[in-house]
PDB file of N, CA and C in Angstrom:
ATOM      1  N   MET A   1      22.498 -27.118 -18.418  1.00  0.00           N
ATOM      2  CA  MET A   1      22.423 -26.034 -17.463  1.00  0.00           C
ATOM      3  C   MET A   1      21.025 -26.016 -16.850  1.00  0.00           C
ATOM      4  N   ALA A   2      20.948 -25.874 -15.542  1.00  0.00           N
ATOM      5  CA  ALA A   2      19.669 -25.850 -14.847  1.00  0.00           C
ATOM      6  C   ALA A   2      18.962 -24.525 -15.092  1.00  0.00           C
ATOM      7  N   LYS A   3      17.651 -24.617 -15.246  1.00  0.00           N
ATOM      8  CA  LYS A   3      16.850 -23.427 -15.474  1.00  0.00           C
ATOM      9  C   LYS A   3      16.631 -22.702 -14.141  1.00  0.00           C
ATOM     10  N   LEU A   4      16.840 -21.371 -14.144  1.00  0.00           N
ATOM     11  CA  LEU A   4      16.630 -20.569 -12.950  1.00  0.00           C
ATOM     12  C   LEU A   4      15.154 -20.197 -12.838  1.00  0.00           C
ATOM     13  N   THR A   5      14.644 -20.222 -11.622  1.00  0.00           N
ATOM     14  CA  THR A   5      13.284 -19.732 -11.415  1.00  0.00           C
ATOM     15  C   THR A   5      13.325 -18.207 -11.380  1.00  0.00           C
ATOM     16  N   LYS A   6      12.164 -17.605 -11.488  1.00  0.00           N
ATOM     17  CA  LYS A   6      12.087 -16.142 -11.447  1.00  0.00           C
ATOM     18  C   LYS A   6      12.661 -15.625 -10.135  1.00  0.00           C
ATOM     19  N   ASP A   7      12.330 -16.273  -9.015  1.00  0.00           N
ATOM     20  CA  ASP A   7      12.823 -15.835  -7.708  1.00  0.00           C
ATOM     21  C   ASP A   7      14.338 -15.961  -7.594  1.00  0.00           C
ATOM     22  N   GLU A   8      14.889 -17.047  -8.146  1.00  0.00           N
ATOM     23  CA  GLU A   8      16.344 -17.220  -8.127  1.00  0.00           C
ATOM     24  C   GLU A   8      17.029 -16.150  -8.968  1.00  0.00           C
ATOM     25  N   PHE A   9      16.421 -15.819 -10.119  1.00  0.00           N
ATOM     26  CA  PHE A   9      16.984 -14.801 -11.004  1.00  0.00           C
ATOM     27  C   PHE A   9      16.975 -13.436 -10.312  1.00  0.00           C
ATOM     28  N   ILE A  10      15.859 -13.105  -9.676  1.00  0.00           N
ATOM     29  CA  ILE A  10      15.758 -11.819  -8.978  1.00  0.00           C
ATOM     30  C   ILE A  10      16.731 -11.771  -7.813  1.00  0.00           C
ATOM     31  N   SER A  11      16.872 -12.868  -7.109  1.00  0.00           N
ATOM     32  CA  SER A  11      17.818 -12.929  -6.006  1.00  0.00           C
ATOM     33  C   SER A  11      19.246 -12.695  -6.507  1.00  0.00           C
ATOM     34  N   ALA A  12      19.569 -13.286  -7.659  1.00  0.00           N
ATOM     35  CA  ALA A  12      20.898 -13.085  -8.238  1.00  0.00           C
ATOM     36  C   ALA A  12      21.090 -11.626  -8.658  1.00  0.00           C
ATOM     37  N   LEU A  13      20.039 -10.994  -9.202  1.00  0.00           N
ATOM     38  CA  LEU A  13      20.128  -9.586  -9.598  1.00  0.00           C
ATOM     39  C   LEU A  13      20.390  -8.689  -8.398  1.00  0.00           C
ATOM     40  N   LYS A  14      19.784  -9.005  -7.261  1.00  0.00           N
ATOM     41  CA  LYS A  14      19.971  -8.204  -6.058  1.00  0.00           C
ATOM     42  C   LYS A  14      21.421  -8.193  -5.591  1.00  0.00           C
ATOM     43  N   GLU A  15      22.141  -9.236  -5.911  1.00  0.00           N
ATOM     44  CA  GLU A  15      23.530  -9.345  -5.483  1.00  0.00           C
ATOM     45  C   GLU A  15      24.499  -8.671  -6.452  1.00  0.00           C
ATOM     46  N   MET A  16      24.008  -8.241  -7.628  1.00  0.00           N
ATOM     47  CA  MET A  16      24.860  -7.625  -8.637  1.00  0.00           C
ATOM     48  C   MET A  16      25.063  -6.146  -8.369  1.00  0.00           C
ATOM     49  N   THR A  17      26.185  -5.640  -8.852  1.00  0.00           N
ATOM     50  CA  THR A  17      26.427  -4.205  -8.813  1.00  0.00           C
ATOM     51  C   THR A  17      25.702  -3.570  -9.996  1.00  0.00           C
ATOM     52  N   ILE A  18      25.613  -2.259  -9.993  1.00  0.00           N
ATOM     53  CA  ILE A  18      24.955  -1.542 -11.096  1.00  0.00           C
ATOM     54  C   ILE A  18      25.684  -1.829 -12.415  1.00  0.00           C
ATOM     55  N   LEU A  19      26.990  -1.841 -12.362  1.00  0.00           N
ATOM     56  CA  LEU A  19      27.779  -2.108 -13.570  1.00  0.00           C
ATOM     57  C   LEU A  19      27.490  -3.507 -14.106  1.00  0.00           C
ATOM     58  N   GLU A  20      27.378  -4.492 -13.218  1.00  0.00           N
ATOM     59  CA  GLU A  20      27.081  -5.856 -13.646  1.00  0.00           C
ATOM     60  C   GLU A  20      25.683  -5.949 -14.266  1.00  0.00           C
ATOM     61  N   VAL A  21      24.722  -5.225 -13.716  1.00  0.00           N
ATOM     62  CA  VAL A  21      23.368  -5.224 -14.274  1.00  0.00           C
ATOM     63  C   VAL A  21      23.376  -4.582 -15.650  1.00  0.00           C
ATOM     64  N   LYS A  22      24.126  -3.476 -15.808  1.00  0.00           N
ATOM     65  CA  LYS A  22      24.222  -2.819 -17.101  1.00  0.00           C
ATOM     66  C   LYS A  22      24.831  -3.757 -18.140  1.00  0.00           C
ATOM     67  N   GLU A  23      25.882  -4.483 -17.743  1.00  0.00           N
ATOM     68  CA  GLU A  23      26.507  -5.448 -18.648  1.00  0.00           C
ATOM     69  C   GLU A  23      25.521  -6.560 -19.018  1.00  0.00           C
ATOM     70  N   LEU A  24      24.689  -6.991 -18.070  1.00  0.00           N
ATOM     71  CA  LEU A  24      23.678  -8.009 -18.336  1.00  0.00           C
ATOM     72  C   LEU A  24      22.656  -7.493 -19.345  1.00  0.00           C
ATOM     73  N   VAL A  25      22.205  -6.260 -19.167  1.00  0.00           N
ATOM     74  CA  VAL A  25      21.233  -5.668 -20.093  1.00  0.00           C
ATOM     75  C   VAL A  25      21.844  -5.572 -21.487  1.00  0.00           C
ATOM     76  N   ASP A  26      23.097  -5.121 -21.563  1.00  0.00           N
ATOM     77  CA  ASP A  26      23.776  -5.025 -22.858  1.00  0.00           C
ATOM     78  C   ASP A  26      23.887  -6.401 -23.521  1.00  0.00           C
ATOM     79  N   ALA A  27      24.205  -7.426 -22.732  1.00  0.00           N
ATOM     80  CA  ALA A  27      24.316  -8.780 -23.276  1.00  0.00           C
ATOM     81  C   ALA A  27      22.960  -9.281 -23.767  1.00  0.00           C
ATOM     82  N   MET A  28      21.889  -8.921 -23.068  1.00  0.00           N
ATOM     83  CA  MET A  28      20.547  -9.329 -23.498  1.00  0.00           C
ATOM     84  C   MET A  28      20.170  -8.639 -24.804  1.00  0.00           C
ATOM     85  N   LYS A  29      20.579  -7.376 -24.946  1.00  0.00           N
ATOM     86  CA  LYS A  29      20.324  -6.655 -26.198  1.00  0.00           C
ATOM     87  C   LYS A  29      21.020  -7.363 -27.349  1.00  0.00           C
ATOM     88  N   GLU A  30      22.276  -7.750 -27.113  1.00  0.00           N
ATOM     89  CA  GLU A  30      23.072  -8.388 -28.163  1.00  0.00           C
ATOM     90  C   GLU A  30      22.539  -9.780 -28.490  1.00  0.00           C
ATOM     91  N   GLU A  31      22.221 -10.563 -27.469  1.00  0.00           N
ATOM     92  CA  GLU A  31      21.795 -11.945 -27.659  1.00  0.00           C
ATOM     93  C   GLU A  31      20.400 -12.043 -28.281  1.00  0.00           C
ATOM     94  N   PHE A  32      19.453 -11.245 -27.773  1.00  0.00           N
ATOM     95  CA  PHE A  32      18.066 -11.380 -28.191  1.00  0.00           C
ATOM     96  C   PHE A  32      17.583 -10.266 -29.116  1.00  0.00           C
ATOM     97  N   GLY A  33      18.373  -9.222 -29.269  1.00  0.00           N
ATOM     98  CA  GLY A  33      17.976  -8.103 -30.118  1.00  0.00           C
ATOM     99  C   GLY A  33      16.842  -7.281 -29.536  1.00  0.00           C
ATOM    100  N   VAL A  34      16.683  -7.358 -28.217  1.00  0.00           N
ATOM    101  CA  VAL A  34      15.610  -6.632 -27.539  1.00  0.00           C
ATOM    102  C   VAL A  34      16.217  -5.811 -26.411  1.00  0.00           C
ATOM    103  N   ASP A  35      15.752  -4.578 -26.294  1.00  0.00           N
ATOM    104  CA  ASP A  35      16.207  -3.719 -25.206  1.00  0.00           C
ATOM    105  C   ASP A  35      15.246  -3.896 -24.033  1.00  0.00           C
ATOM    106  N   PRO A  36      15.654  -4.597 -22.947  1.00  0.00           N
ATOM    107  CA  PRO A  36      14.754  -4.840 -21.821  1.00  0.00           C
ATOM    108  C   PRO A  36      14.278  -3.550 -21.164  1.00  0.00           C
ATOM    109  N   SER A  37      15.093  -2.504 -21.191  1.00  0.00           N
ATOM    110  CA  SER A  37      14.670  -1.251 -20.567  1.00  0.00           C
ATOM    111  C   SER A  37      13.550  -0.604 -21.374  1.00  0.00           C
ATOM    112  N   ALA A  38      13.531  -0.787 -22.701  1.00  0.00           N
ATOM    113  CA  ALA A  38      12.448  -0.246 -23.526  1.00  0.00           C
ATOM    114  C   ALA A  38      11.137  -0.956 -23.213  1.00  0.00           C
ATOM    115  N   VAL A  39      11.189  -2.243 -22.933  1.00  0.00           N
ATOM    116  CA  VAL A  39       9.993  -2.997 -22.576  1.00  0.00           C
ATOM    117  C   VAL A  39       9.466  -2.509 -21.231  1.00  0.00           C
ATOM    118  N   ALA A  40      10.356  -2.260 -20.286  1.00  0.00           N
ATOM    119  CA  ALA A  40       9.941  -1.772 -18.974  1.00  0.00           C
ATOM    120  C   ALA A  40       9.318  -0.393 -19.085  1.00  0.00           C
ATOM    121  N   VAL A  41       9.863   0.464 -19.929  1.00  0.00           N
ATOM    122  CA  VAL A  41       9.319   1.809 -20.103  1.00  0.00           C
ATOM    123  C   VAL A  41       7.963   1.736 -20.794  1.00  0.00           C
ATOM    124  N   ALA A  42       7.812   0.849 -21.770  1.00  0.00           N
ATOM    125  CA  ALA A  42       6.544   0.703 -22.471  1.00  0.00           C
ATOM    126  C   ALA A  42       5.459   0.185 -21.531  1.00  0.00           C
ATOM    127  N   ALA A  43       5.826  -0.644 -20.569  1.00  0.00           N
ATOM    128  CA  ALA A  43       4.849  -1.207 -19.640  1.00  0.00           C
ATOM    129  C   ALA A  43       4.513  -0.246 -18.509  1.00  0.00           C
ATOM    130  N   ALA A  44       5.313   0.769 -18.285  1.00  0.00           N
ATOM    131  CA  ALA A  44       5.115   1.679 -17.156  1.00  0.00           C
ATOM    132  C   ALA A  44       3.782   2.417 -17.177  1.00  0.00           C
ATOM    133  N   PRO A  45       3.284   2.925 -18.305  1.00  0.00           N
ATOM    134  CA  PRO A  45       2.011   3.645 -18.247  1.00  0.00           C
ATOM    135  C   PRO A  45       0.853   2.795 -17.733  1.00  0.00           C
ATOM    136  N   ALA A  46       0.796   1.546 -18.113  1.00  0.00           N
ATOM    137  CA  ALA A  46      -0.286   0.691 -17.629  1.00  0.00           C
ATOM    138  C   ALA A  46      -0.190   0.543 -16.123  1.00  0.00           C
ATOM    139  N   GLY A  47       0.997   0.329 -15.626  1.00  0.00           N
ATOM    140  CA  GLY A  47       1.189   0.227 -14.179  1.00  0.00           C
ATOM    141  C   GLY A  47       0.948   1.555 -13.508  1.00  0.00           C
ATOM    142  N   GLY A  48       1.289   2.638 -14.171  1.00  0.00           N
ATOM    143  CA  GLY A  48       1.085   3.961 -13.618  1.00  0.00           C
ATOM    144  C   GLY A  48      -0.384   4.278 -13.441  1.00  0.00           C
ATOM    145  N   GLU A  49      -1.219   3.838 -14.379  1.00  0.00           N
ATOM    146  CA  GLU A  49      -2.658   4.065 -14.259  1.00  0.00           C
ATOM    147  C   GLU A  49      -3.221   3.289 -13.087  1.00  0.00           C
ATOM    148  N   ALA A  50      -2.757   2.066 -12.893  1.00  0.00           N
ATOM    149  CA  ALA A  50      -3.228   1.266 -11.766  1.00  0.00           C
ATOM    150  C   ALA A  50      -2.787   1.900 -10.458  1.00  0.00           C
ATOM    151  N   ALA A  51      -1.560   2.396 -10.422  1.00  0.00           N
ATOM    152  CA  ALA A  51      -1.067   3.037  -9.208  1.00  0.00           C
ATOM    153  C   ALA A  51      -1.852   4.305  -8.922  1.00  0.00           C
ATOM    154  N   ALA A  52      -2.221   5.058  -9.965  1.00  0.00           N
ATOM    155  CA  ALA A  52      -2.999   6.273  -9.764  1.00  0.00           C
ATOM    156  C   ALA A  52      -4.367   5.942  -9.183  1.00  0.00           C
ATOM    157  N   ALA A  53      -4.959   4.842  -9.633  1.00  0.00           N
ATOM    158  CA  ALA A  53      -6.254   4.430  -9.101  1.00  0.00           C
ATOM    159  C   ALA A  53      -6.131   4.045  -7.627  1.00  0.00           C
ATOM    160  N   GLU A  54      -5.008   3.411  -7.271  1.00  0.00           N
ATOM    161  CA  GLU A  54      -4.793   3.027  -5.883  1.00  0.00           C
ATOM    162  C   GLU A  54      -4.534   4.240  -5.001  1.00  0.00           C
ATOM    163  N   ASP A  55      -3.996   5.330  -5.561  1.00  0.00           N
ATOM    164  CA  ASP A  55      -3.690   6.525  -4.796  1.00  0.00           C
ATOM    165  C   ASP A  55      -4.891   7.445  -4.656  1.00  0.00           C
ATOM    166  N   ALA A  56      -6.028   7.063  -5.205  1.00  0.00           N
ATOM    167  CA  ALA A  56      -7.223   7.891  -5.130  1.00  0.00           C
ATOM    168  C   ALA A  56      -7.605   8.106  -3.669  1.00  0.00           C
ATOM    169  N   ALA A  57      -8.275   9.208  -3.418  1.00  0.00           N
ATOM    170  CA  ALA A  57      -8.692   9.533  -2.060  1.00  0.00           C
ATOM    171  C   ALA A  57      -9.691   8.498  -1.543  1.00  0.00           C
ATOM    172  N   LYS A  58      -9.554   8.156  -0.287  1.00  0.00           N
ATOM    173  CA  LYS A  58     -10.419   7.160   0.357  1.00  0.00           C
ATOM    174  C   LYS A  58     -11.068   7.774   1.588  1.00  0.00           C
ATOM    175  N   THR A  59     -12.156   7.182   1.994  1.00  0.00           N
ATOM    176  CA  THR A  59     -12.810   7.537   3.244  1.00  0.00           C
ATOM    177  C   THR A  59     -12.723   6.336   4.170  1.00  0.00           C
ATOM    178  N   VAL A  60     -12.270   6.568   5.392  1.00  0.00           N
ATOM    179  CA  VAL A  60     -12.158   5.513   6.392  1.00  0.00           C
ATOM    180  C   VAL A  60     -13.457   5.516   7.192  1.00  0.00           C
ATOM    181  N   VAL A  61     -14.173   4.382   7.167  1.00  0.00           N
ATOM    182  CA  VAL A  61     -15.472   4.282   7.826  1.00  0.00           C
ATOM    183  C   VAL A  61     -15.382   3.256   8.954  1.00  0.00           C
ATOM    184  N   LEU A  62     -15.751   3.687  10.152  1.00  0.00           N
ATOM    185  CA  LEU A  62     -15.803   2.789  11.305  1.00  0.00           C
ATOM    186  C   LEU A  62     -17.147   2.083  11.299  1.00  0.00           C
ATOM    187  N   LYS A  63     -17.127   0.763  11.190  1.00  0.00           N
ATOM    188  CA  LYS A  63     -18.352  -0.036  11.182  1.00  0.00           C
ATOM    189  C   LYS A  63     -18.746  -0.458  12.599  1.00  0.00           C
ATOM    190  N   ASN A  64     -17.744  -0.859  13.395  1.00  0.00           N
ATOM    191  CA  ASN A  64     -18.001  -1.365  14.730  1.00  0.00           C
ATOM    192  C   ASN A  64     -16.741  -1.162  15.559  1.00  0.00           C
ATOM    193  N   ALA A  65     -16.891  -0.655  16.775  1.00  0.00           N
ATOM    194  CA  ALA A  65     -15.728  -0.405  17.636  1.00  0.00           C
ATOM    195  C   ALA A  65     -15.168  -1.694  18.225  1.00  0.00           C
ATOM    196  N   GLY A  66     -15.932  -2.754  18.248  1.00  0.00           N
ATOM    197  CA  GLY A  66     -15.442  -4.022  18.772  1.00  0.00           C
ATOM    198  C   GLY A  66     -15.473  -4.069  20.286  1.00  0.00           C
ATOM    199  N   GLY A  67     -14.824  -5.076  20.840  1.00  0.00           N
ATOM    200  CA  GLY A  67     -14.854  -5.309  22.283  1.00  0.00           C
ATOM    201  C   GLY A  67     -13.965  -4.392  23.091  1.00  0.00           C
ATOM    202  N   THR A  68     -12.966  -3.805  22.484  1.00  0.00           N
ATOM    203  CA  THR A  68     -12.041  -2.928  23.203  1.00  0.00           C
ATOM    204  C   THR A  68     -12.329  -1.479  22.840  1.00  0.00           C
ATOM    205  N   LYS A  69     -13.535  -1.044  23.184  1.00  0.00           N
ATOM    206  CA  LYS A  69     -14.020   0.265  22.767  1.00  0.00           C
ATOM    207  C   LYS A  69     -13.146   1.405  23.301  1.00  0.00           C
ATOM    208  N   MET A  70     -12.635   1.293  24.509  1.00  0.00           N
ATOM    209  CA  MET A  70     -11.812   2.379  25.075  1.00  0.00           C
ATOM    210  C   MET A  70     -10.551   2.608  24.237  1.00  0.00           C
ATOM    211  N   GLN A  71      -9.913   1.532  23.800  1.00  0.00           N
ATOM    212  CA  GLN A  71      -8.715   1.683  22.956  1.00  0.00           C
ATOM    213  C   GLN A  71      -9.081   2.358  21.642  1.00  0.00           C
ATOM    214  N   VAL A  72     -10.219   1.974  21.084  1.00  0.00           N
ATOM    215  CA  VAL A  72     -10.667   2.558  19.820  1.00  0.00           C
ATOM    216  C   VAL A  72     -10.983   4.037  20.015  1.00  0.00           C
ATOM    217  N   ILE A  73     -11.634   4.390  21.118  1.00  0.00           N
ATOM    218  CA  ILE A  73     -11.954   5.796  21.392  1.00  0.00           C
ATOM    219  C   ILE A  73     -10.672   6.619  21.505  1.00  0.00           C
ATOM    220  N   LYS A  74      -9.684   6.113  22.241  1.00  0.00           N
ATOM    221  CA  LYS A  74      -8.411   6.823  22.370  1.00  0.00           C
ATOM    222  C   LYS A  74      -7.762   7.016  21.010  1.00  0.00           C
ATOM    223  N   LEU A  75      -7.797   5.976  20.197  1.00  0.00           N
ATOM    224  CA  LEU A  75      -7.203   6.045  18.863  1.00  0.00           C
ATOM    225  C   LEU A  75      -7.964   7.025  17.976  1.00  0.00           C
ATOM    226  N   LEU A  76      -9.289   7.028  18.074  1.00  0.00           N
ATOM    227  CA  LEU A  76     -10.095   7.977  17.291  1.00  0.00           C
ATOM    228  C   LEU A  76      -9.764   9.416  17.678  1.00  0.00           C
ATOM    229  N   LYS A  77      -9.581   9.669  18.970  1.00  0.00           N
ATOM    230  CA  LYS A  77      -9.192  11.013  19.420  1.00  0.00           C
ATOM    231  C   LYS A  77      -7.868  11.421  18.802  1.00  0.00           C
ATOM    232  N   GLU A  78      -6.921  10.486  18.799  1.00  0.00           N
ATOM    233  CA  GLU A  78      -5.582  10.757  18.263  1.00  0.00           C
ATOM    234  C   GLU A  78      -5.622  11.000  16.752  1.00  0.00           C
ATOM    235  N   ILE A  79      -6.362  10.183  16.042  1.00  0.00           N
ATOM    236  CA  ILE A  79      -6.413  10.260  14.576  1.00  0.00           C
ATOM    237  C   ILE A  79      -7.174  11.493  14.100  1.00  0.00           C
ATOM    238  N   THR A  80      -8.304  11.761  14.742  1.00  0.00           N
ATOM    239  CA  THR A  80      -9.195  12.810  14.237  1.00  0.00           C
ATOM    240  C   THR A  80      -9.057  14.155  14.934  1.00  0.00           C
ATOM    241  N   GLY A  81      -8.528  14.149  16.150  1.00  0.00           N
ATOM    242  CA  GLY A  81      -8.458  15.385  16.917  1.00  0.00           C
ATOM    243  C   GLY A  81      -9.776  15.708  17.601  1.00  0.00           C
ATOM    244  N   LEU A  82     -10.727  14.767  17.611  1.00  0.00           N
ATOM    245  CA  LEU A  82     -12.013  14.971  18.271  1.00  0.00           C
ATOM    246  C   LEU A  82     -11.838  14.960  19.782  1.00  0.00           C
ATOM    247  N   GLY A  83     -12.810  15.529  20.471  1.00  0.00           N
ATOM    248  CA  GLY A  83     -12.840  15.447  21.922  1.00  0.00           C
ATOM    249  C   GLY A  83     -13.330  14.074  22.354  1.00  0.00           C
ATOM    250  N   LEU A  84     -13.286  13.836  23.653  1.00  0.00           N
ATOM    251  CA  LEU A  84     -13.671  12.535  24.191  1.00  0.00           C
ATOM    252  C   LEU A  84     -15.129  12.192  23.868  1.00  0.00           C
ATOM    253  N   VAL A  85     -16.032  13.135  24.049  1.00  0.00           N
ATOM    254  CA  VAL A  85     -17.460  12.878  23.823  1.00  0.00           C
ATOM    255  C   VAL A  85     -17.721  12.566  22.348  1.00  0.00           C
ATOM    256  N   GLU A  86     -17.098  13.346  21.442  1.00  0.00           N
ATOM    257  CA  GLU A  86     -17.299  13.126  20.013  1.00  0.00           C
ATOM    258  C   GLU A  86     -16.703  11.791  19.573  1.00  0.00           C
ATOM    259  N   ALA A  87     -15.509  11.460  20.080  1.00  0.00           N
ATOM    260  CA  ALA A  87     -14.863  10.188  19.734  1.00  0.00           C
ATOM    261  C   ALA A  87     -15.692   9.014  20.245  1.00  0.00           C
ATOM    262  N   LYS A  88     -16.268   9.155  21.459  1.00  0.00           N
ATOM    263  CA  LYS A  88     -17.117   8.097  22.001  1.00  0.00           C
ATOM    264  C   LYS A  88     -18.369   7.937  21.138  1.00  0.00           C
ATOM    265  N   GLY A  89     -18.945   9.047  20.695  1.00  0.00           N
ATOM    266  CA  GLY A  89     -20.117   8.992  19.820  1.00  0.00           C
ATOM    267  C   GLY A  89     -19.813   8.280  18.518  1.00  0.00           C
ATOM    268  N   LEU A  90     -18.645   8.565  17.959  1.00  0.00           N
ATOM    269  CA  LEU A  90     -18.229   7.900  16.726  1.00  0.00           C
ATOM    270  C   LEU A  90     -18.032   6.407  16.964  1.00  0.00           C
ATOM    271  N   ALA A  91     -17.430   6.058  18.105  1.00  0.00           N
ATOM    272  CA  ALA A  91     -17.213   4.641  18.423  1.00  0.00           C
ATOM    273  C   ALA A  91     -18.547   3.926  18.646  1.00  0.00           C
ATOM    274  N   ASP A  92     -19.498   4.613  19.288  1.00  0.00           N
ATOM    275  CA  ASP A  92     -20.796   4.000  19.569  1.00  0.00           C
ATOM    276  C   ASP A  92     -21.638   3.817  18.307  1.00  0.00           C
ATOM    277  N   ASN A  93     -21.624   4.829  17.444  1.00  0.00           N
ATOM    278  CA  ASN A  93     -22.536   4.846  16.301  1.00  0.00           C
ATOM    279  C   ASN A  93     -21.886   4.490  14.966  1.00  0.00           C
ATOM    280  N   GLY A  94     -20.560   4.479  14.915  1.00  0.00           N
ATOM    281  CA  GLY A  94     -19.866   4.259  13.650  1.00  0.00           C
ATOM    282  C   GLY A  94     -19.940   5.504  12.790  1.00  0.00           C
ATOM    283  N   GLY A  95     -19.329   5.439  11.634  1.00  0.00           N
ATOM    284  CA  GLY A  95     -19.359   6.561  10.711  1.00  0.00           C
ATOM    285  C   GLY A  95     -17.989   6.863  10.143  1.00  0.00           C
ATOM    286  N   ASN A  96     -17.906   7.980   9.420  1.00  0.00           N
ATOM    287  CA  ASN A  96     -16.660   8.358   8.762  1.00  0.00           C
ATOM    288  C   ASN A  96     -15.640   8.846   9.790  1.00  0.00           C
ATOM    289  N   VAL A  97     -14.480   8.197   9.780  1.00  0.00           N
ATOM    290  CA  VAL A  97     -13.389   8.604  10.654  1.00  0.00           C
ATOM    291  C   VAL A  97     -12.623   9.738   9.989  1.00  0.00           C
ATOM    292  N   LYS A  98     -12.234   9.535   8.741  1.00  0.00           N
ATOM    293  CA  LYS A  98     -11.539  10.558   7.954  1.00  0.00           C
ATOM    294  C   LYS A  98     -11.998  10.428   6.515  1.00  0.00           C
ATOM    295  N   GLU A  99     -12.184  11.569   5.867  1.00  0.00           N
ATOM    296  CA  GLU A  99     -12.649  11.582   4.486  1.00  0.00           C
ATOM    297  C   GLU A  99     -11.568  12.132   3.571  1.00  0.00           C
ATOM    298  N   ASN A 100     -11.572  11.634   2.332  1.00  0.00           N
ATOM    299  CA  ASN A 100     -10.677  12.126   1.273  1.00  0.00           C
ATOM    300  C   ASN A 100      -9.207  12.135   1.689  1.00  0.00           C
ATOM    301  N   VAL A 101      -8.740  11.014   2.211  1.00  0.00           N
ATOM    302  CA  VAL A 101      -7.325  10.877   2.559  1.00  0.00           C
ATOM    303  C   VAL A 101      -6.655   9.995   1.520  1.00  0.00           C
ATOM    304  N   PRO A 102      -5.356  10.181   1.284  1.00  0.00           N
ATOM    305  CA  PRO A 102      -4.649   9.315   0.334  1.00  0.00           C
ATOM    306  C   PRO A 102      -4.788   7.846   0.740  1.00  0.00           C
ATOM    307  N   ALA A 103      -4.794   6.984  -0.252  1.00  0.00           N
ATOM    308  CA  ALA A 103      -5.019   5.553  -0.019  1.00  0.00           C
ATOM    309  C   ALA A 103      -4.029   4.973   0.987  1.00  0.00           C
ATOM    310  N   LYS A 104      -2.774   5.377   0.894  1.00  0.00           N
ATOM    311  CA  LYS A 104      -1.755   4.838   1.804  1.00  0.00           C
ATOM    312  C   LYS A 104      -2.066   5.227   3.246  1.00  0.00           C
ATOM    313  N   GLU A 105      -2.421   6.492   3.456  1.00  0.00           N
ATOM    314  CA  GLU A 105      -2.770   6.953   4.803  1.00  0.00           C
ATOM    315  C   GLU A 105      -4.029   6.248   5.302  1.00  0.00           C
ATOM    316  N   ALA A 106      -5.003   6.059   4.412  1.00  0.00           N
ATOM    317  CA  ALA A 106      -6.236   5.367   4.783  1.00  0.00           C
ATOM    318  C   ALA A 106      -5.945   3.935   5.220  1.00  0.00           C
ATOM    319  N   GLU A 107      -5.057   3.261   4.513  1.00  0.00           N
ATOM    320  CA  GLU A 107      -4.685   1.886   4.881  1.00  0.00           C
ATOM    321  C   GLU A 107      -4.017   1.855   6.255  1.00  0.00           C
ATOM    322  N   GLU A 108      -3.175   2.860   6.534  1.00  0.00           N
ATOM    323  CA  GLU A 108      -2.495   2.919   7.835  1.00  0.00           C
ATOM    324  C   GLU A 108      -3.504   3.133   8.961  1.00  0.00           C
ATOM    325  N   ILE A 109      -4.457   4.036   8.750  1.00  0.00           N
ATOM    326  CA  ILE A 109      -5.485   4.299   9.756  1.00  0.00           C
ATOM    327  C   ILE A 109      -6.321   3.036   9.977  1.00  0.00           C
ATOM    328  N   LYS A 110      -6.692   2.383   8.881  1.00  0.00           N
ATOM    329  CA  LYS A 110      -7.476   1.149   8.978  1.00  0.00           C
ATOM    330  C   LYS A 110      -6.722   0.100   9.785  1.00  0.00           C
ATOM    331  N   ALA A 111      -5.438  -0.053   9.509  1.00  0.00           N
ATOM    332  CA  ALA A 111      -4.630  -1.047  10.222  1.00  0.00           C
ATOM    333  C   ALA A 111      -4.561  -0.728  11.716  1.00  0.00           C
ATOM    334  N   GLN A 112      -4.400   0.555  12.057  1.00  0.00           N
ATOM    335  CA  GLN A 112      -4.340   0.949  13.472  1.00  0.00           C
ATOM    336  C   GLN A 112      -5.650   0.617  14.181  1.00  0.00           C
ATOM    337  N   LEU A 113      -6.757   0.973  13.555  1.00  0.00           N
ATOM    338  CA  LEU A 113      -8.057   0.732  14.177  1.00  0.00           C
ATOM    339  C   LEU A 113      -8.361  -0.761  14.288  1.00  0.00           C
ATOM    340  N   GLU A 114      -8.007  -1.523  13.254  1.00  0.00           N
ATOM    341  CA  GLU A 114      -8.235  -2.969  13.311  1.00  0.00           C
ATOM    342  C   GLU A 114      -7.373  -3.622  14.381  1.00  0.00           C
ATOM    343  N   ALA A 115      -6.153  -3.112  14.561  1.00  0.00           N
ATOM    344  CA  ALA A 115      -5.280  -3.645  15.608  1.00  0.00           C
ATOM    345  C   ALA A 115      -5.882  -3.397  16.995  1.00  0.00           C
ATOM    346  N   ALA A 116      -6.663  -2.312  17.113  1.00  0.00           N
ATOM    347  CA  ALA A 116      -7.324  -1.996  18.375  1.00  0.00           C
ATOM    348  C   ALA A 116      -8.632  -2.771  18.538  1.00  0.00           C
ATOM    349  N   GLY A 117      -9.037  -3.526  17.524  1.00  0.00           N
ATOM    350  CA  GLY A 117     -10.221  -4.368  17.624  1.00  0.00           C
ATOM    351  C   GLY A 117     -11.443  -3.856  16.872  1.00  0.00           C
ATOM    352  N   ALA A 118     -11.303  -2.766  16.134  1.00  0.00           N
ATOM    353  CA  ALA A 118     -12.446  -2.191  15.424  1.00  0.00           C
ATOM    354  C   ALA A 118     -12.647  -2.857  14.057  1.00  0.00           C
ATOM    355  N   GLU A 119     -13.858  -2.736  13.551  1.00  0.00           N
ATOM    356  CA  GLU A 119     -14.174  -3.184  12.206  1.00  0.00           C
ATOM    357  C   GLU A 119     -14.231  -1.934  11.323  1.00  0.00           C
ATOM    358  N   VAL A 120     -13.385  -1.899  10.285  1.00  0.00           N
ATOM    359  CA  VAL A 120     -13.217  -0.690   9.485  1.00  0.00           C
ATOM    360  C   VAL A 120     -13.352  -1.027   8.005  1.00  0.00           C
ATOM    361  N   GLU A 121     -13.860  -0.049   7.237  1.00  0.00           N
ATOM    362  CA  GLU A 121     -14.027  -0.228   5.801  1.00  0.00           C
ATOM    363  C   GLU A 121     -13.478   1.014   5.105  1.00  0.00           C
ATOM    364  N   LEU A 122     -12.876   0.808   3.937  1.00  0.00           N
ATOM    365  CA  LEU A 122     -12.416   1.916   3.103  1.00  0.00           C
ATOM    366  C   LEU A 122     -13.356   2.056   1.922  1.00  0.00           C
ATOM    367  N   VAL A 123     -13.816   3.272   1.673  1.00  0.00           N
ATOM    368  CA  VAL A 123     -14.675   3.522   0.509  1.00  0.00           C
ATOM    369  C   VAL A 123     -14.151   4.687  -0.289  1.00  0.00           C
TER     370      VAL A 123
END
């Protein structure tokens, strides 16, 4: 019998129904004497701590507005609610765009600004 790669195994799992997956887990318990769901639950706290660290509040810092400064200024106005003069000042001088935002939101803001040509850092 050919050995399945991890990707092939996961692909096969995706095609199974919930009942088929449950039967597979039961068969693994019987064959190997190990409950795979208990292993997944035991590993969850370690992953949970890493996820909590990733969800920590971030500050989005504009380092450089880049060559398309007008697009960056418009985006800064939209993201921050600043007026035109304040957004232009931020684009010219750099600085904190948003402080203490969830990591996911910070990544989205960073991606938007980078797509507009800006150089951005998360701290």
